[in-house]
Structures are given as structure tokens and as C-alpha cells.
Amino acid sequence: MEHAFICPFCGAEISMVLDLSVHHHTYIEDCEVCCNPLEISYTVENDVLVDFDAKTME
């Protein structure tokens, strides 16, 4: 599933593909625009994205 969000560092709209077969996932990925590290966390229930957060690593 593709999900779009706003980078908390630079304000750019970022789009990424999420694996909905994983029920809860947290990982670090760099913003594709400003290259700052983001902590991505999401939760899936019944193959539906129920929670998503992208925050700074500070």
C-alpha cells in the first residue's frame, strides 16, 4: 500500500510503500528530499492501516 505524509524536517510530501502483512513495524528511513532520518512507525489491523507516524530522530 502506498502512503503519503509530510516530512517533519522539510515539509515535503513523501510517499512510501508500506507492507500491510506486518502488523506493527518501526524503522528508520531517510527523507527522500532532505535526507534527514525519520522514525517510521505503523500499525495494521485486518489488512487496514490504523496508525502511522513519521517523527524526527531528535
PDB file of N, CA and C in Angstrom:
ATOM      1  N   MET A   1       0.848  -1.173   0.000  1.00  0.00           N
ATOM      2  CA  MET A   1       0.000   0.000   0.000  1.00  0.00           C
ATOM      3  C   MET A   1       0.895   1.239   0.000  1.00  0.00           C
ATOM      4  N   GLU A   2       0.554   2.203  -0.839  1.00  0.00           N
ATOM      5  CA  GLU A   2       1.304   3.454  -0.864  1.00  0.00           C
ATOM      6  C   GLU A   2       0.674   4.436   0.119  1.00  0.00           C
ATOM      7  N   HIS A   3       1.533   5.121   0.889  1.00  0.00           N
ATOM      8  CA  HIS A   3       1.062   6.068   1.899  1.00  0.00           C
ATOM      9  C   HIS A   3       1.867   7.363   1.779  1.00  0.00           C
ATOM     10  N   ALA A   4       1.170   8.502   1.780  1.00  0.00           N
ATOM     11  CA  ALA A   4       1.831   9.804   1.690  1.00  0.00           C
ATOM     12  C   ALA A   4       1.746  10.519   3.032  1.00  0.00           C
ATOM     13  N   PHE A   5       2.799  11.285   3.355  1.00  0.00           N
ATOM     14  CA  PHE A   5       2.851  12.048   4.598  1.00  0.00           C
ATOM     15  C   PHE A   5       3.776  13.237   4.402  1.00  0.00           C
ATOM     16  N   ILE A   6       3.786  14.144   5.357  1.00  0.00           N
ATOM     17  CA  ILE A   6       4.628  15.343   5.308  1.00  0.00           C
ATOM     18  C   ILE A   6       5.872  15.128   6.173  1.00  0.00           C
ATOM     19  N   CYS A   7       7.047  15.381   5.609  1.00  0.00           N
ATOM     20  CA  CYS A   7       8.301  15.254   6.358  1.00  0.00           C
ATOM     21  C   CYS A   7       8.319  16.301   7.471  1.00  0.00           C
ATOM     22  N   PRO A   8       8.566  15.892   8.721  1.00  0.00           N
ATOM     23  CA  PRO A   8       8.607  16.854   9.826  1.00  0.00           C
ATOM     24  C   PRO A   8       9.828  17.773   9.783  1.00  0.00           C
ATOM     25  N   PHE A   9      10.832  17.435   8.977  1.00  0.00           N
ATOM     26  CA  PHE A   9      12.022  18.285   8.843  1.00  0.00           C
ATOM     27  C   PHE A   9      11.821  19.381   7.805  1.00  0.00           C
ATOM     28  N   CYS A  10      11.479  18.978   6.574  1.00  0.00           N
ATOM     29  CA  CYS A  10      11.484  19.933   5.464  1.00  0.00           C
ATOM     30  C   CYS A  10      10.098  20.295   4.944  1.00  0.00           C
ATOM     31  N   GLY A  11       9.062  19.583   5.379  1.00  0.00           N
ATOM     32  CA  GLY A  11       7.704  19.889   4.956  1.00  0.00           C
ATOM     33  C   GLY A  11       7.319  19.341   3.597  1.00  0.00           C
ATOM     34  N   ALA A  12       8.194  18.563   2.975  1.00  0.00           N
ATOM     35  CA  ALA A  12       7.887  17.973   1.667  1.00  0.00           C
ATOM     36  C   ALA A  12       6.927  16.801   1.822  1.00  0.00           C
ATOM     37  N   GLU A  13       6.067  16.600   0.830  1.00  0.00           N
ATOM     38  CA  GLU A  13       5.196  15.437   0.840  1.00  0.00           C
ATOM     39  C   GLU A  13       5.998  14.235   0.357  1.00  0.00           C
ATOM     40  N   ILE A  14       6.033  13.200   1.177  1.00  0.00           N
ATOM     41  CA  ILE A  14       6.787  11.984   0.896  1.00  0.00           C
ATOM     42  C   ILE A  14       5.792  10.857   0.701  1.00  0.00           C
ATOM     43  N   SER A  15       6.089   9.960  -0.214  1.00  0.00           N
ATOM     44  CA  SER A  15       5.240   8.805  -0.453  1.00  0.00           C
ATOM     45  C   SER A  15       6.095   7.552  -0.326  1.00  0.00           C
ATOM     46  N   MET A  16       5.583   6.552   0.377  1.00  0.00           N
ATOM     47  CA  MET A  16       6.313   5.300   0.502  1.00  0.00           C
ATOM     48  C   MET A  16       5.347   4.125   0.489  1.00  0.00           C
ATOM     49  N   VAL A  17       5.876   2.976   0.146  1.00  0.00           N
ATOM     50  CA  VAL A  17       5.089   1.755   0.112  1.00  0.00           C
ATOM     51  C   VAL A  17       5.234   1.055   1.457  1.00  0.00           C
ATOM     52  N   LEU A  18       4.083   0.721   2.066  1.00  0.00           N
ATOM     53  CA  LEU A  18       4.073   0.014   3.347  1.00  0.00           C
ATOM     54  C   LEU A  18       3.649  -1.428   3.135  1.00  0.00           C
ATOM     55  N   ASP A  19       4.273  -2.327   3.874  1.00  0.00           N
ATOM     56  CA  ASP A  19       3.939  -3.752   3.818  1.00  0.00           C
ATOM     57  C   ASP A  19       2.821  -4.019   4.824  1.00  0.00           C
ATOM     58  N   LEU A  20       1.598  -4.216   4.358  1.00  0.00           N
ATOM     59  CA  LEU A  20       0.460  -4.420   5.255  1.00  0.00           C
ATOM     60  C   LEU A  20       0.401  -5.822   5.844  1.00  0.00           C
ATOM     61  N   SER A  21       1.309  -6.711   5.425  1.00  0.00           N
ATOM     62  CA  SER A  21       1.341  -8.044   6.032  1.00  0.00           C
ATOM     63  C   SER A  21       2.033  -8.032   7.391  1.00  0.00           C
ATOM     64  N   VAL A  22       2.711  -6.913   7.708  1.00  0.00           N
ATOM     65  CA  VAL A  22       3.368  -6.746   9.008  1.00  0.00           C
ATOM     66  C   VAL A  22       2.399  -5.972   9.903  1.00  0.00           C
ATOM     67  N   HIS A  23       2.042  -6.526  11.052  1.00  0.00           N
ATOM     68  CA  HIS A  23       1.022  -5.916  11.904  1.00  0.00           C
ATOM     69  C   HIS A  23       1.509  -4.654  12.626  1.00  0.00           C
ATOM     70  N   HIS A  24       2.768  -4.623  13.011  1.00  0.00           N
ATOM     71  CA  HIS A  24       3.338  -3.420  13.622  1.00  0.00           C
ATOM     72  C   HIS A  24       4.796  -3.353  13.215  1.00  0.00           C
ATOM     73  N   HIS A  25       5.190  -2.190  12.733  1.00  0.00           N
ATOM     74  CA  HIS A  25       6.558  -2.057  12.243  1.00  0.00           C
ATOM     75  C   HIS A  25       7.085  -0.675  12.608  1.00  0.00           C
ATOM     76  N   THR A  26       8.339  -0.635  13.067  1.00  0.00           N
ATOM     77  CA  THR A  26       9.038   0.626  13.347  1.00  0.00           C
ATOM     78  C   THR A  26      10.431   0.512  12.738  1.00  0.00           C
ATOM     79  N   TYR A  27      10.818   1.519  11.977  1.00  0.00           N
ATOM     80  CA  TYR A  27      12.135   1.500  11.351  1.00  0.00           C
ATOM     81  C   TYR A  27      12.577   2.924  11.027  1.00  0.00           C
ATOM     82  N   ILE A  28      13.825   3.076  10.644  1.00  0.00           N
ATOM     83  CA  ILE A  28      14.412   4.369  10.311  1.00  0.00           C
ATOM     84  C   ILE A  28      14.578   4.440   8.792  1.00  0.00           C
ATOM     85  N   GLU A  29      14.142   5.555   8.216  1.00  0.00           N
ATOM     86  CA  GLU A  29      14.322   5.785   6.780  1.00  0.00           C
ATOM     87  C   GLU A  29      14.606   7.269   6.566  1.00  0.00           C
ATOM     88  N   ASP A  30      15.525   7.568   5.666  1.00  0.00           N
ATOM     89  CA  ASP A  30      15.859   8.964   5.365  1.00  0.00           C
ATOM     90  C   ASP A  30      14.791   9.584   4.468  1.00  0.00           C
ATOM     91  N   CYS A  31      14.495  10.860   4.709  1.00  0.00           N
ATOM     92  CA  CYS A  31      13.607  11.623   3.835  1.00  0.00           C
ATOM     93  C   CYS A  31      14.238  11.664   2.445  1.00  0.00           C
ATOM     94  N   GLU A  32      13.451  11.405   1.415  1.00  0.00           N
ATOM     95  CA  GLU A  32      13.987  11.404   0.050  1.00  0.00           C
ATOM     96  C   GLU A  32      14.297  12.802  -0.470  1.00  0.00           C
ATOM     97  N   VAL A  33      13.856  13.846   0.242  1.00  0.00           N
ATOM     98  CA  VAL A  33      14.111  15.227  -0.178  1.00  0.00           C
ATOM     99  C   VAL A  33      15.282  15.838   0.596  1.00  0.00           C
ATOM    100  N   CYS A  34      15.201  15.823   1.943  1.00  0.00           N
ATOM    101  CA  CYS A  34      16.231  16.489   2.750  1.00  0.00           C
ATOM    102  C   CYS A  34      17.253  15.527   3.369  1.00  0.00           C
ATOM    103  N   CYS A  35      17.031  14.228   3.231  1.00  0.00           N
ATOM    104  CA  CYS A  35      17.950  13.167   3.694  1.00  0.00           C
ATOM    105  C   CYS A  35      18.079  13.061   5.216  1.00  0.00           C
ATOM    106  N   ASN A  36      17.231  13.739   5.979  1.00  0.00           N
ATOM    107  CA  ASN A  36      17.260  13.593   7.430  1.00  0.00           C
ATOM    108  C   ASN A  36      16.572  12.292   7.837  1.00  0.00           C
ATOM    109  N   PRO A  37      17.035  11.663   8.932  1.00  0.00           N
ATOM    110  CA  PRO A  37      16.450  10.389   9.352  1.00  0.00           C
ATOM    111  C   PRO A  37      15.075  10.568  10.006  1.00  0.00           C
ATOM    112  N   LEU A  38      14.149   9.708   9.605  1.00  0.00           N
ATOM    113  CA  LEU A  38      12.796   9.697  10.159  1.00  0.00           C
ATOM    114  C   LEU A  38      12.542   8.347  10.801  1.00  0.00           C
ATOM    115  N   GLU A  39      11.894   8.358  11.957  1.00  0.00           N
ATOM    116  CA  GLU A  39      11.443   7.115  12.563  1.00  0.00           C
ATOM    117  C   GLU A  39      10.020   6.877  12.075  1.00  0.00           C
ATOM    118  N   ILE A  40       9.849   5.829  11.287  1.00  0.00           N
ATOM    119  CA  ILE A  40       8.555   5.471  10.716  1.00  0.00           C
ATOM    120  C   ILE A  40       7.963   4.354  11.576  1.00  0.00           C
ATOM    121  N   SER A  41       6.722   4.529  11.978  1.00  0.00           N
ATOM    122  CA  SER A  41       6.036   3.524  12.784  1.00  0.00           C
ATOM    123  C   SER A  41       4.603   3.403  12.281  1.00  0.00           C
ATOM    124  N   TYR A  42       4.159   2.170  12.091  1.00  0.00           N
ATOM    125  CA  TYR A  42       2.763   1.994  11.676  1.00  0.00           C
ATOM    126  C   TYR A  42       2.190   0.697  12.223  1.00  0.00           C
ATOM    127  N   THR A  43       0.854   0.674  12.303  1.00  0.00           N
ATOM    128  CA  THR A  43       0.117  -0.479  12.793  1.00  0.00           C
ATOM    129  C   THR A  43      -0.969  -0.838  11.786  1.00  0.00           C
ATOM    130  N   VAL A  44      -1.135  -2.143  11.567  1.00  0.00           N
ATOM    131  CA  VAL A  44      -2.119  -2.656  10.623  1.00  0.00           C
ATOM    132  C   VAL A  44      -3.038  -3.623  11.359  1.00  0.00           C
ATOM    133  N   GLU A  45      -4.340  -3.482  11.136  1.00  0.00           N
ATOM    134  CA  GLU A  45      -5.327  -4.423  11.677  1.00  0.00           C
ATOM    135  C   GLU A  45      -6.252  -4.841  10.552  1.00  0.00           C
ATOM    136  N   ASN A  46      -6.412  -6.145  10.380  1.00  0.00           N
ATOM    137  CA  ASN A  46      -7.280  -6.685   9.320  1.00  0.00           C
ATOM    138  C   ASN A  46      -6.934  -6.102   7.950  1.00  0.00           C
ATOM    139  N   ASP A  47      -5.638  -6.021   7.659  1.00  0.00           N
ATOM    140  CA  ASP A  47      -5.123  -5.520   6.387  1.00  0.00           C
ATOM    141  C   ASP A  47      -5.459  -4.052   6.120  1.00  0.00           C
ATOM    142  N   VAL A  48      -5.745  -3.292   7.181  1.00  0.00           N
ATOM    143  CA  VAL A  48      -6.045  -1.868   7.062  1.00  0.00           C
ATOM    144  C   VAL A  48      -5.066  -1.086   7.936  1.00  0.00           C
ATOM    145  N   LEU A  49      -4.480  -0.040   7.386  1.00  0.00           N
ATOM    146  CA  LEU A  49      -3.579   0.830   8.141  1.00  0.00           C
ATOM    147  C   LEU A  49      -4.398   1.618   9.165  1.00  0.00           C
ATOM    148  N   VAL A  50      -4.125   1.405  10.462  1.00  0.00           N
ATOM    149  CA  VAL A  50      -4.900   2.081  11.507  1.00  0.00           C
ATOM    150  C   VAL A  50      -4.094   3.159  12.215  1.00  0.00           C
ATOM    151  N   ASP A  51      -2.772   3.136  12.110  1.00  0.00           N
ATOM    152  CA  ASP A  51      -1.946   4.145  12.761  1.00  0.00           C
ATOM    153  C   ASP A  51      -0.656   4.319  11.976  1.00  0.00           C
ATOM    154  N   PHE A  52      -0.238   5.566  11.778  1.00  0.00           N
ATOM    155  CA  PHE A  52       1.007   5.867  11.081  1.00  0.00           C
ATOM    156  C   PHE A  52       1.629   7.095  11.726  1.00  0.00           C
ATOM    157  N   ASP A  53       2.962   7.048  11.932  1.00  0.00           N
ATOM    158  CA  ASP A  53       3.662   8.189  12.491  1.00  0.00           C
ATOM    159  C   ASP A  53       5.043   8.272  11.854  1.00  0.00           C
ATOM    160  N   ALA A  54       5.433   9.477  11.491  1.00  0.00           N
ATOM    161  CA  ALA A  54       6.782   9.742  10.986  1.00  0.00           C
ATOM    162  C   ALA A  54       7.318  10.889  11.826  1.00  0.00           C
ATOM    163  N   LYS A  55       8.352  10.613  12.630  1.00  0.00           N
ATOM    164  CA  LYS A  55       8.863  11.665  13.511  1.00  0.00           C
ATOM    165  C   LYS A  55      10.373  11.784  13.394  1.00  0.00           C
ATOM    166  N   THR A  56      10.884  12.916  13.880  1.00  0.00           N
ATOM    167  CA  THR A  56      12.316  13.172  13.845  1.00  0.00           C
ATOM    168  C   THR A  56      13.027  12.257  14.843  1.00  0.00           C
ATOM    169  N   MET A  57      14.301  12.091  14.633  1.00  0.00           N
ATOM    170  CA  MET A  57      15.101  11.220  15.499  1.00  0.00           C
ATOM    171  C   MET A  57      15.704  11.976  16.674  1.00  0.00           C
ATOM    172  N   GLU A  58      15.376  13.242  16.859  1.00  0.00           N
ATOM    173  CA  GLU A  58      15.959  14.044  17.927  1.00  0.00           C
ATOM    174  C   GLU A  58      15.302  13.768  19.252  1.00  0.00           C
TER     175      GLU A  58
END
